[in-house]
Amino acid sequence: ALDEEALVSILTQPTNAVLKQYKRFFEMDGVDLEFEPSVLAEIAHEALQRKTGARALRGIIEKMMMDVMFEVPSDTTVKKVIIPHGAVSGKSVPLLLTEEELQRQAS
């Protein structure tokens, strides 16, 4: 059976890894997509709870990303999306940052 670490590798390592696919999708709209490291463990943990192994990963991510997938393409001011800890359980929501907010963070 796969453990949490193996599931995180499946999410991030292969050329066609699910998270890389999402990053590319957002890049097409000029948006940087970032997953906080703890979110990867959350996704893997949820997949283990479902006892379906790697098959559960895509579904968990799709559910977590649903609203953002619709919001971001229609809002050209968004330049970065951060998926925070707690996003899998719905305890926190993705952060949508504009160019102005990114510049403020940098200074």
N, C-alpha and C. Protein backbone atom coordinates (compact mmCIF):
# COMPACT_ATOMS: atom_id res chain seq x y z
N ALA A 1 0.84 -1.20 0.00
CA ALA A 1 0.00 0.00 0.00
C ALA A 1 0.88 1.25 0.00
N LEU A 2 0.36 2.28 -0.61
CA LEU A 2 1.09 3.55 -0.68
C LEU A 2 0.95 4.29 0.65
N ASP A 3 2.02 4.95 1.07
CA ASP A 3 1.93 5.78 2.26
C ASP A 3 1.80 7.24 1.83
N GLU A 4 1.69 8.12 2.83
CA GLU A 4 1.48 9.55 2.56
C GLU A 4 2.60 10.12 1.69
N GLU A 5 3.83 9.75 2.02
CA GLU A 5 4.99 10.26 1.28
C GLU A 5 4.93 9.85 -0.20
N ALA A 6 4.54 8.61 -0.46
CA ALA A 6 4.43 8.12 -1.84
C ALA A 6 3.34 8.87 -2.60
N LEU A 7 2.24 9.15 -1.92
CA LEU A 7 1.14 9.88 -2.57
C LEU A 7 1.56 11.31 -2.90
N VAL A 8 2.31 11.95 -2.00
CA VAL A 8 2.81 13.31 -2.27
C VAL A 8 3.73 13.28 -3.49
N SER A 9 4.56 12.25 -3.60
CA SER A 9 5.43 12.11 -4.77
C SER A 9 4.62 11.98 -6.05
N ILE A 10 3.55 11.21 -5.99
CA ILE A 10 2.68 11.03 -7.16
C ILE A 10 2.06 12.37 -7.56
N LEU A 11 1.75 13.20 -6.57
CA LEU A 11 1.16 14.52 -6.85
C LEU A 11 2.14 15.46 -7.53
N THR A 12 3.43 15.31 -7.23
CA THR A 12 4.40 16.33 -7.62
C THR A 12 5.47 15.88 -8.60
N GLN A 13 5.85 14.61 -8.61
CA GLN A 13 7.03 14.17 -9.35
C GLN A 13 6.85 13.90 -10.85
N PRO A 14 5.87 13.08 -11.24
CA PRO A 14 5.79 12.73 -12.67
C PRO A 14 5.62 13.96 -13.57
N THR A 15 6.05 13.84 -14.82
CA THR A 15 5.92 14.94 -15.77
C THR A 15 4.47 15.40 -15.89
N ASN A 16 3.54 14.46 -15.85
CA ASN A 16 2.13 14.80 -16.00
C ASN A 16 1.40 14.78 -14.66
N ALA A 17 2.10 15.06 -13.57
CA ALA A 17 1.50 15.06 -12.23
C ALA A 17 0.32 16.03 -12.19
N VAL A 18 -0.70 15.66 -11.43
CA VAL A 18 -1.93 16.46 -11.35
C VAL A 18 -1.64 17.91 -10.98
N LEU A 19 -0.79 18.14 -10.00
CA LEU A 19 -0.51 19.52 -9.58
C LEU A 19 0.17 20.31 -10.69
N LYS A 20 1.05 19.66 -11.44
CA LYS A 20 1.71 20.33 -12.57
C LYS A 20 0.69 20.70 -13.64
N GLN A 21 -0.30 19.85 -13.85
CA GLN A 21 -1.35 20.14 -14.82
C GLN A 21 -2.13 21.38 -14.41
N TYR A 22 -2.46 21.48 -13.13
CA TYR A 22 -3.18 22.66 -12.64
C TYR A 22 -2.31 23.91 -12.77
N LYS A 23 -1.03 23.80 -12.45
CA LYS A 23 -0.14 24.96 -12.57
C LYS A 23 -0.09 25.45 -14.02
N ARG A 24 0.00 24.51 -14.96
CA ARG A 24 0.02 24.88 -16.38
C ARG A 24 -1.28 25.55 -16.81
N PHE A 25 -2.38 25.03 -16.32
CA PHE A 25 -3.69 25.62 -16.63
C PHE A 25 -3.74 27.08 -16.19
N PHE A 26 -3.28 27.36 -14.98
CA PHE A 26 -3.29 28.73 -14.48
C PHE A 26 -2.28 29.61 -15.21
N GLU A 27 -1.13 29.03 -15.57
CA GLU A 27 -0.11 29.78 -16.31
C GLU A 27 -0.66 30.31 -17.62
N MET A 28 -1.60 29.58 -18.23
CA MET A 28 -2.19 30.04 -19.49
C MET A 28 -2.93 31.36 -19.31
N ASP A 29 -3.39 31.63 -18.08
CA ASP A 29 -4.06 32.89 -17.77
C ASP A 29 -3.10 33.88 -17.11
N GLY A 30 -1.79 33.56 -17.12
CA GLY A 30 -0.81 34.46 -16.52
C GLY A 30 -0.85 34.48 -15.00
N VAL A 31 -1.30 33.37 -14.41
CA VAL A 31 -1.45 33.29 -12.96
C VAL A 31 -0.50 32.22 -12.40
N ASP A 32 0.19 32.58 -11.33
CA ASP A 32 1.09 31.66 -10.65
C ASP A 32 0.29 30.91 -9.59
N LEU A 33 0.28 29.59 -9.65
CA LEU A 33 -0.44 28.77 -8.68
C LEU A 33 0.56 28.14 -7.72
N GLU A 34 0.33 28.34 -6.43
CA GLU A 34 1.24 27.82 -5.41
C GLU A 34 0.44 27.02 -4.38
N PHE A 35 0.94 25.85 -4.06
CA PHE A 35 0.34 25.02 -3.01
C PHE A 35 1.25 25.08 -1.80
N GLU A 36 0.70 25.47 -0.64
CA GLU A 36 1.52 25.42 0.57
C GLU A 36 1.91 23.96 0.79
N PRO A 37 3.15 23.70 1.22
CA PRO A 37 3.61 22.31 1.39
C PRO A 37 2.69 21.44 2.24
N SER A 38 2.10 22.02 3.28
CA SER A 38 1.23 21.23 4.16
C SER A 38 -0.04 20.76 3.46
N VAL A 39 -0.43 21.45 2.39
CA VAL A 39 -1.63 21.05 1.63
C VAL A 39 -1.38 19.72 0.94
N LEU A 40 -0.17 19.49 0.47
CA LEU A 40 0.15 18.23 -0.19
C LEU A 40 -0.05 17.06 0.77
N ALA A 41 0.38 17.23 2.01
CA ALA A 41 0.18 16.20 3.03
C ALA A 41 -1.31 16.02 3.33
N GLU A 42 -2.05 17.13 3.34
CA GLU A 42 -3.50 17.05 3.57
C GLU A 42 -4.19 16.23 2.48
N ILE A 43 -3.82 16.50 1.23
CA ILE A 43 -4.41 15.77 0.10
C ILE A 43 -4.08 14.28 0.22
N ALA A 44 -2.83 13.97 0.50
CA ALA A 44 -2.40 12.57 0.64
C ALA A 44 -3.13 11.89 1.80
N HIS A 45 -3.27 12.60 2.91
CA HIS A 45 -3.95 12.05 4.08
C HIS A 45 -5.41 11.73 3.74
N GLU A 46 -6.07 12.65 3.06
CA GLU A 46 -7.46 12.44 2.65
C GLU A 46 -7.57 11.22 1.73
N ALA A 47 -6.64 11.07 0.81
CA ALA A 47 -6.64 9.91 -0.09
C ALA A 47 -6.49 8.61 0.70
N LEU A 48 -5.63 8.63 1.72
CA LEU A 48 -5.45 7.44 2.55
C LEU A 48 -6.73 7.11 3.32
N GLN A 49 -7.43 8.15 3.79
CA GLN A 49 -8.69 7.94 4.51
C GLN A 49 -9.73 7.26 3.62
N ARG A 50 -9.72 7.61 2.35
CA ARG A 50 -10.69 7.05 1.40
C ARG A 50 -10.34 5.62 1.00
N LYS A 51 -9.12 5.20 1.32
CA LYS A 51 -8.65 3.84 1.02
C LYS A 51 -8.72 3.48 -0.47
N THR A 52 -8.55 4.49 -1.31
CA THR A 52 -8.55 4.22 -2.76
C THR A 52 -7.20 4.57 -3.37
N GLY A 53 -6.22 4.88 -2.53
CA GLY A 53 -4.87 5.15 -3.01
C GLY A 53 -4.80 6.35 -3.93
N ALA A 54 -3.95 6.24 -4.93
CA ALA A 54 -3.66 7.36 -5.82
C ALA A 54 -4.89 7.78 -6.64
N ARG A 55 -5.83 6.87 -6.83
CA ARG A 55 -7.03 7.21 -7.62
C ARG A 55 -7.81 8.37 -7.01
N ALA A 56 -7.74 8.52 -5.70
CA ALA A 56 -8.50 9.57 -5.02
C ALA A 56 -7.90 10.96 -5.20
N LEU A 57 -6.62 11.03 -5.55
CA LEU A 57 -5.92 12.32 -5.58
C LEU A 57 -6.59 13.34 -6.48
N ARG A 58 -6.87 12.98 -7.72
CA ARG A 58 -7.45 13.93 -8.67
C ARG A 58 -8.80 14.46 -8.17
N GLY A 59 -9.65 13.59 -7.66
CA GLY A 59 -10.96 14.00 -7.17
C GLY A 59 -10.87 14.98 -6.02
N ILE A 60 -9.95 14.73 -5.11
CA ILE A 60 -9.76 15.62 -3.96
C ILE A 60 -9.32 17.00 -4.44
N ILE A 61 -8.39 17.04 -5.38
CA ILE A 61 -7.89 18.31 -5.90
C ILE A 61 -8.98 19.03 -6.69
N GLU A 62 -9.72 18.30 -7.51
CA GLU A 62 -10.79 18.93 -8.29
C GLU A 62 -11.81 19.60 -7.39
N LYS A 63 -12.20 18.92 -6.32
CA LYS A 63 -13.17 19.50 -5.38
C LYS A 63 -12.61 20.76 -4.73
N MET A 64 -11.35 20.70 -4.33
CA MET A 64 -10.70 21.83 -3.66
C MET A 64 -10.53 23.03 -4.60
N MET A 65 -10.32 22.76 -5.89
CA MET A 65 -10.01 23.82 -6.85
C MET A 65 -11.23 24.34 -7.63
N MET A 66 -12.38 23.71 -7.46
CA MET A 66 -13.56 24.01 -8.26
C MET A 66 -13.86 25.52 -8.37
N ASP A 67 -14.04 26.19 -7.24
CA ASP A 67 -14.41 27.61 -7.26
C ASP A 67 -13.32 28.47 -7.91
N VAL A 68 -12.07 28.19 -7.59
CA VAL A 68 -10.95 28.96 -8.13
C VAL A 68 -10.89 28.82 -9.65
N MET A 69 -11.17 27.62 -10.15
CA MET A 69 -11.11 27.37 -11.59
C MET A 69 -12.10 28.25 -12.35
N PHE A 70 -13.21 28.59 -11.71
CA PHE A 70 -14.20 29.45 -12.35
C PHE A 70 -13.91 30.92 -12.13
N GLU A 71 -13.42 31.27 -10.93
CA GLU A 71 -13.17 32.66 -10.59
C GLU A 71 -12.00 33.28 -11.35
N VAL A 72 -10.88 32.60 -11.35
CA VAL A 72 -9.63 33.19 -11.86
C VAL A 72 -9.68 33.60 -13.33
N PRO A 73 -10.14 32.75 -14.25
CA PRO A 73 -10.12 33.18 -15.66
C PRO A 73 -10.96 34.43 -15.94
N SER A 74 -11.99 34.67 -15.12
CA SER A 74 -12.84 35.84 -15.36
C SER A 74 -12.34 37.09 -14.65
N ASP A 75 -11.31 36.98 -13.82
CA ASP A 75 -10.76 38.13 -13.11
C ASP A 75 -9.31 38.33 -13.53
N THR A 76 -9.10 39.23 -14.47
CA THR A 76 -7.75 39.44 -15.02
C THR A 76 -6.80 40.13 -14.04
N THR A 77 -7.32 40.61 -12.90
CA THR A 77 -6.45 41.26 -11.92
C THR A 77 -5.69 40.24 -11.07
N VAL A 78 -6.18 39.00 -11.02
CA VAL A 78 -5.53 37.96 -10.21
C VAL A 78 -4.25 37.51 -10.89
N LYS A 79 -3.13 37.56 -10.14
CA LYS A 79 -1.83 37.16 -10.69
C LYS A 79 -1.22 35.97 -9.95
N LYS A 80 -1.74 35.68 -8.75
CA LYS A 80 -1.22 34.53 -8.00
C LYS A 80 -2.33 33.93 -7.16
N VAL A 81 -2.35 32.61 -7.10
CA VAL A 81 -3.30 31.89 -6.25
C VAL A 81 -2.48 31.02 -5.31
N ILE A 82 -2.77 31.14 -4.02
CA ILE A 82 -2.10 30.31 -3.02
C ILE A 82 -3.14 29.40 -2.38
N ILE A 83 -2.87 28.11 -2.43
CA ILE A 83 -3.76 27.14 -1.80
C ILE A 83 -3.21 26.86 -0.40
N PRO A 84 -3.91 27.34 0.65
CA PRO A 84 -3.38 27.25 2.01
C PRO A 84 -3.74 25.95 2.72
N HIS A 85 -3.06 25.73 3.84
CA HIS A 85 -3.38 24.62 4.73
C HIS A 85 -4.86 24.73 5.11
N GLY A 86 -5.57 23.64 5.11
CA GLY A 86 -6.99 23.66 5.47
C GLY A 86 -7.91 23.71 4.27
N ALA A 87 -7.36 23.88 3.07
CA ALA A 87 -8.19 23.99 1.87
C ALA A 87 -8.90 22.67 1.54
N VAL A 88 -8.27 21.55 1.85
CA VAL A 88 -8.87 20.24 1.55
C VAL A 88 -10.14 20.05 2.36
N SER A 89 -10.09 20.41 3.63
CA SER A 89 -11.24 20.22 4.52
C SER A 89 -12.25 21.35 4.40
N GLY A 90 -11.88 22.43 3.70
CA GLY A 90 -12.78 23.57 3.57
C GLY A 90 -12.65 24.56 4.71
N LYS A 91 -11.67 24.34 5.61
CA LYS A 91 -11.47 25.26 6.74
C LYS A 91 -10.85 26.57 6.29
N SER A 92 -10.18 26.56 5.15
CA SER A 92 -9.64 27.80 4.60
C SER A 92 -9.86 27.80 3.09
N VAL A 93 -9.83 28.99 2.51
CA VAL A 93 -10.09 29.13 1.08
C VAL A 93 -8.84 29.61 0.36
N PRO A 94 -8.73 29.32 -0.92
CA PRO A 94 -7.58 29.80 -1.69
C PRO A 94 -7.47 31.32 -1.65
N LEU A 95 -6.24 31.81 -1.61
CA LEU A 95 -5.98 33.25 -1.62
C LEU A 95 -5.74 33.69 -3.06
N LEU A 96 -6.49 34.69 -3.50
CA LEU A 96 -6.33 35.24 -4.84
C LEU A 96 -5.64 36.59 -4.69
N LEU A 97 -4.43 36.71 -5.24
CA LEU A 97 -3.65 37.94 -5.08
C LEU A 97 -3.53 38.69 -6.40
N THR A 98 -3.69 40.01 -6.32
CA THR A 98 -3.53 40.86 -7.50
C THR A 98 -2.07 41.32 -7.59
N GLU A 99 -1.72 41.91 -8.72
CA GLU A 99 -0.37 42.46 -8.92
C GLU A 99 -0.04 43.44 -7.80
N GLU A 100 -1.01 44.29 -7.46
CA GLU A 100 -0.82 45.30 -6.41
C GLU A 100 -0.50 44.63 -5.06
N GLU A 101 -1.25 43.58 -4.72
CA GLU A 101 -1.02 42.89 -3.45
C GLU A 101 0.34 42.19 -3.44
N LEU A 102 0.75 41.66 -4.58
CA LEU A 102 2.06 41.01 -4.67
C LEU A 102 3.18 42.02 -4.47
N GLN A 103 3.02 43.21 -5.05
CA GLN A 103 4.04 44.26 -4.89
C GLN A 103 4.11 44.72 -3.44
N ARG A 104 2.95 44.82 -2.79
CA ARG A 104 2.91 45.21 -1.38
C ARG A 104 3.63 44.17 -0.52
N GLN A 105 3.43 42.89 -0.82
CA GLN A 105 4.09 41.82 -0.07
C GLN A 105 5.60 41.86 -0.26
N ALA A 106 6.03 42.21 -1.46
CA ALA A 106 7.46 42.23 -1.79
C ALA A 106 8.19 43.37 -1.09
N SER A 107 7.47 44.45 -0.80
CA SER A 107 8.15 45.61 -0.20
C SER A 107 8.09 45.60 1.31
